[in-house]
């Protein structure tokens, strides 16, 4: 269960924003609050209740994998753990990633899903 003090954000949600998010853990059915970056487009973010996100970690490992993207601030984006979450599970805004980090994340997702040939 998420923390009882958890409050959904009332701020606009934009691609590149980083929010505390109740992340589902499918192995033990426990949700954990983690910083996550929004990757869905801004039109979706405005009108849909569901948002695409990538979790971030401060404990980088396996930096050799294309799905683990090192960010300029020392955190790692884990694009192989991309997920969709209802807005009600998105909490306080932490900040916004710079465009260079977002480009690296989106490129990693293209490789993660083997979509390069479609662009």
C-alpha atoms as a PDB file:
ATOM      1  CA  UNK A   1       0.000   0.000   0.000  1.00  0.00           C
ATOM      2  CA  UNK A   2       1.121   3.546  -0.609  1.00  0.00           C
ATOM      3  CA  UNK A   3       1.927   5.894   2.242  1.00  0.00           C
ATOM      4  CA  UNK A   4      -1.284   7.247   3.819  1.00  0.00           C
ATOM      5  CA  UNK A   5       0.179  10.784   3.568  1.00  0.00           C
ATOM      6  CA  UNK A   6       0.504  10.454  -0.227  1.00  0.00           C
ATOM      7  CA  UNK A   7      -1.348  13.214  -2.083  1.00  0.00           C
ATOM      8  CA  UNK A   8      -1.825  13.236  -5.871  1.00  0.00           C
ATOM      9  CA  UNK A   9      -0.348  16.212  -7.711  1.00  0.00           C
ATOM     10  CA  UNK A  10      -2.589  19.028  -8.828  1.00  0.00           C
ATOM     11  CA  UNK A  11       0.125  20.482 -11.080  1.00  0.00           C
ATOM     12  CA  UNK A  12       0.134  20.089 -14.855  1.00  0.00           C
ATOM     13  CA  UNK A  13       2.071  17.008 -15.966  1.00  0.00           C
ATOM     14  CA  UNK A  14       4.569  17.535 -18.805  1.00  0.00           C
ATOM     15  CA  UNK A  15       7.029  15.257 -20.591  1.00  0.00           C
ATOM     16  CA  UNK A  16      10.358  15.429 -18.778  1.00  0.00           C
ATOM     17  CA  UNK A  17       8.848  16.258 -15.378  1.00  0.00           C
ATOM     18  CA  UNK A  18      10.006  14.142 -12.457  1.00  0.00           C
ATOM     19  CA  UNK A  19       7.412  13.248  -9.812  1.00  0.00           C
ATOM     20  CA  UNK A  20       7.270  11.071  -6.727  1.00  0.00           C
ATOM     21  CA  UNK A  21       5.088   8.208  -7.948  1.00  0.00           C
ATOM     22  CA  UNK A  22       3.511   5.144  -6.361  1.00  0.00           C
ATOM     23  CA  UNK A  23       5.190   2.479  -8.491  1.00  0.00           C
ATOM     24  CA  UNK A  24       3.537  -0.941  -8.648  1.00  0.00           C
ATOM     25  CA  UNK A  25       5.770  -3.861  -7.695  1.00  0.00           C
ATOM     26  CA  UNK A  26       4.403  -6.922  -9.434  1.00  0.00           C
ATOM     27  CA  UNK A  27       6.541  -9.420  -7.535  1.00  0.00           C
ATOM     28  CA  UNK A  28       5.080  -8.743  -4.082  1.00  0.00           C
ATOM     29  CA  UNK A  29       2.061  -6.500  -4.818  1.00  0.00           C
ATOM     30  CA  UNK A  30       3.507  -3.651  -2.747  1.00  0.00           C
ATOM     31  CA  UNK A  31       3.648  -0.149  -4.137  1.00  0.00           C
ATOM     32  CA  UNK A  32       6.746   1.913  -3.492  1.00  0.00           C
ATOM     33  CA  UNK A  33       7.103   5.657  -3.933  1.00  0.00           C
ATOM     34  CA  UNK A  34       9.936   6.438  -6.333  1.00  0.00           C
ATOM     35  CA  UNK A  35      10.976   9.370  -8.470  1.00  0.00           C
ATOM     36  CA  UNK A  36       9.816   8.793 -12.051  1.00  0.00           C
ATOM     37  CA  UNK A  37      10.108  10.807 -15.247  1.00  0.00           C
ATOM     38  CA  UNK A  38       7.098  11.417 -17.495  1.00  0.00           C
ATOM     39  CA  UNK A  39       7.689  10.158 -21.050  1.00  0.00           C
ATOM     40  CA  UNK A  40       4.193  10.377 -22.550  1.00  0.00           C
ATOM     41  CA  UNK A  41       3.423  13.338 -24.804  1.00  0.00           C
ATOM     42  CA  UNK A  42       1.924  16.505 -23.362  1.00  0.00           C
ATOM     43  CA  UNK A  43      -1.420  16.136 -25.163  1.00  0.00           C
ATOM     44  CA  UNK A  44      -1.864  12.687 -23.611  1.00  0.00           C
ATOM     45  CA  UNK A  45      -0.783  14.062 -20.248  1.00  0.00           C
ATOM     46  CA  UNK A  46      -3.413  16.795 -20.411  1.00  0.00           C
ATOM     47  CA  UNK A  47      -6.405  14.694 -21.463  1.00  0.00           C
ATOM     48  CA  UNK A  48      -5.733  11.112 -20.338  1.00  0.00           C
ATOM     49  CA  UNK A  49      -5.906   9.773 -16.805  1.00  0.00           C
ATOM     50  CA  UNK A  50      -3.014   7.389 -17.633  1.00  0.00           C
ATOM     51  CA  UNK A  51       0.610   8.563 -17.841  1.00  0.00           C
ATOM     52  CA  UNK A  52       3.689   6.728 -19.192  1.00  0.00           C
ATOM     53  CA  UNK A  53       6.657   6.903 -16.830  1.00  0.00           C
ATOM     54  CA  UNK A  54      10.181   5.572 -16.323  1.00  0.00           C
ATOM     55  CA  UNK A  55      11.498   5.037 -12.784  1.00  0.00           C
ATOM     56  CA  UNK A  56      14.742   6.687 -11.662  1.00  0.00           C
ATOM     57  CA  UNK A  57      17.254   5.348  -9.176  1.00  0.00           C
ATOM     58  CA  UNK A  58      20.165   6.826  -7.239  1.00  0.00           C
ATOM     59  CA  UNK A  59      21.888   3.431  -7.138  1.00  0.00           C
ATOM     60  CA  UNK A  60      23.211   2.948 -10.671  1.00  0.00           C
ATOM     61  CA  UNK A  61      24.283  -0.520 -11.725  1.00  0.00           C
ATOM     62  CA  UNK A  62      24.818  -2.290 -15.044  1.00  0.00           C
ATOM     63  CA  UNK A  63      25.538   0.981 -16.800  1.00  0.00           C
ATOM     64  CA  UNK A  64      26.632  -1.098 -19.788  1.00  0.00           C
ATOM     65  CA  UNK A  65      23.012  -1.979 -20.627  1.00  0.00           C
ATOM     66  CA  UNK A  66      21.168   0.247 -23.121  1.00  0.00           C
ATOM     67  CA  UNK A  67      18.096   0.161 -20.853  1.00  0.00           C
ATOM     68  CA  UNK A  68      20.011   1.886 -18.032  1.00  0.00           C
ATOM     69  CA  UNK A  69      20.498   5.551 -18.905  1.00  0.00           C
ATOM     70  CA  UNK A  70      22.886   7.615 -16.798  1.00  0.00           C
ATOM     71  CA  UNK A  71      21.551  11.118 -16.245  1.00  0.00           C
ATOM     72  CA  UNK A  72      23.578  14.286 -15.802  1.00  0.00           C
ATOM     73  CA  UNK A  73      22.641  14.499 -12.099  1.00  0.00           C
ATOM     74  CA  UNK A  74      24.024  10.998 -11.321  1.00  0.00           C
ATOM     75  CA  UNK A  75      20.684   9.176 -11.273  1.00  0.00           C
ATOM     76  CA  UNK A  76      19.816   6.359 -13.647  1.00  0.00           C
ATOM     77  CA  UNK A  77      16.649   5.972 -15.715  1.00  0.00           C
ATOM     78  CA  UNK A  78      15.563   2.332 -16.037  1.00  0.00           C
ATOM     79  CA  UNK A  79      13.746   2.221 -19.376  1.00  0.00           C
ATOM     80  CA  UNK A  80      13.202  -1.534 -19.177  1.00  0.00           C
ATOM     81  CA  UNK A  81      10.825  -0.777 -16.277  1.00  0.00           C
ATOM     82  CA  UNK A  82       8.654   1.668 -18.246  1.00  0.00           C
ATOM     83  CA  UNK A  83       5.073   1.592 -16.939  1.00  0.00           C
ATOM     84  CA  UNK A  84       1.684   3.274 -17.170  1.00  0.00           C
ATOM     85  CA  UNK A  85       0.141   4.789 -14.055  1.00  0.00           C
ATOM     86  CA  UNK A  86      -3.096   6.570 -13.199  1.00  0.00           C
ATOM     87  CA  UNK A  87      -2.637  10.275 -12.380  1.00  0.00           C
ATOM     88  CA  UNK A  88      -3.988   9.665  -8.877  1.00  0.00           C
ATOM     89  CA  UNK A  89      -0.713   7.843  -8.074  1.00  0.00           C
ATOM     90  CA  UNK A  90       1.504  10.742  -9.158  1.00  0.00           C
ATOM     91  CA  UNK A  91       2.610  12.882  -6.207  1.00  0.00           C
ATOM     92  CA  UNK A  92       4.871  15.871  -5.647  1.00  0.00           C
ATOM     93  CA  UNK A  93       6.951  17.249  -8.486  1.00  0.00           C
ATOM     94  CA  UNK A  94      10.712  16.935  -7.989  1.00  0.00           C
ATOM     95  CA  UNK A  95      11.824  18.882 -11.013  1.00  0.00           C
ATOM     96  CA  UNK A  96      12.370  18.518 -14.748  1.00  0.00           C
ATOM     97  CA  UNK A  97      15.080  16.677 -16.677  1.00  0.00           C
ATOM     98  CA  UNK A  98      17.131  18.628 -19.209  1.00  0.00           C
ATOM     99  CA  UNK A  99      16.477  17.923 -22.918  1.00  0.00           C
ATOM    100  CA  UNK A 100      19.775  16.045 -23.305  1.00  0.00           C
ATOM    101  CA  UNK A 101      18.683  13.516 -20.638  1.00  0.00           C
ATOM    102  CA  UNK A 102      15.224  13.165 -22.176  1.00  0.00           C
ATOM    103  CA  UNK A 103      16.783  12.533 -25.583  1.00  0.00           C
ATOM    104  CA  UNK A 104      18.932   9.747 -24.094  1.00  0.00           C
ATOM    105  CA  UNK A 105      15.888   8.200 -22.374  1.00  0.00           C
ATOM    106  CA  UNK A 106      13.724   8.297 -25.511  1.00  0.00           C
ATOM    107  CA  UNK A 107      16.566   6.837 -27.587  1.00  0.00           C
ATOM    108  CA  UNK A 108      16.957   4.029 -25.060  1.00  0.00           C
ATOM    109  CA  UNK A 109      13.236   3.260 -25.337  1.00  0.00           C
ATOM    110  CA  UNK A 110      13.530   3.032 -29.131  1.00  0.00           C
ATOM    111  CA  UNK A 111      16.317   0.467 -28.698  1.00  0.00           C
ATOM    112  CA  UNK A 112      14.542  -1.298 -25.832  1.00  0.00           C
ATOM    113  CA  UNK A 113      11.533  -1.988 -28.067  1.00  0.00           C
ATOM    114  CA  UNK A 114      13.659  -2.545 -31.206  1.00  0.00           C
ATOM    115  CA  UNK A 115      11.833   0.249 -33.066  1.00  0.00           C
ATOM    116  CA  UNK A 116      14.785   1.959 -34.815  1.00  0.00           C
ATOM    117  CA  UNK A 117      13.861   0.491 -38.210  1.00  0.00           C
ATOM    118  CA  UNK A 118      10.478   2.246 -38.062  1.00  0.00           C
ATOM    119  CA  UNK A 119      11.974   5.756 -37.925  1.00  0.00           C
END
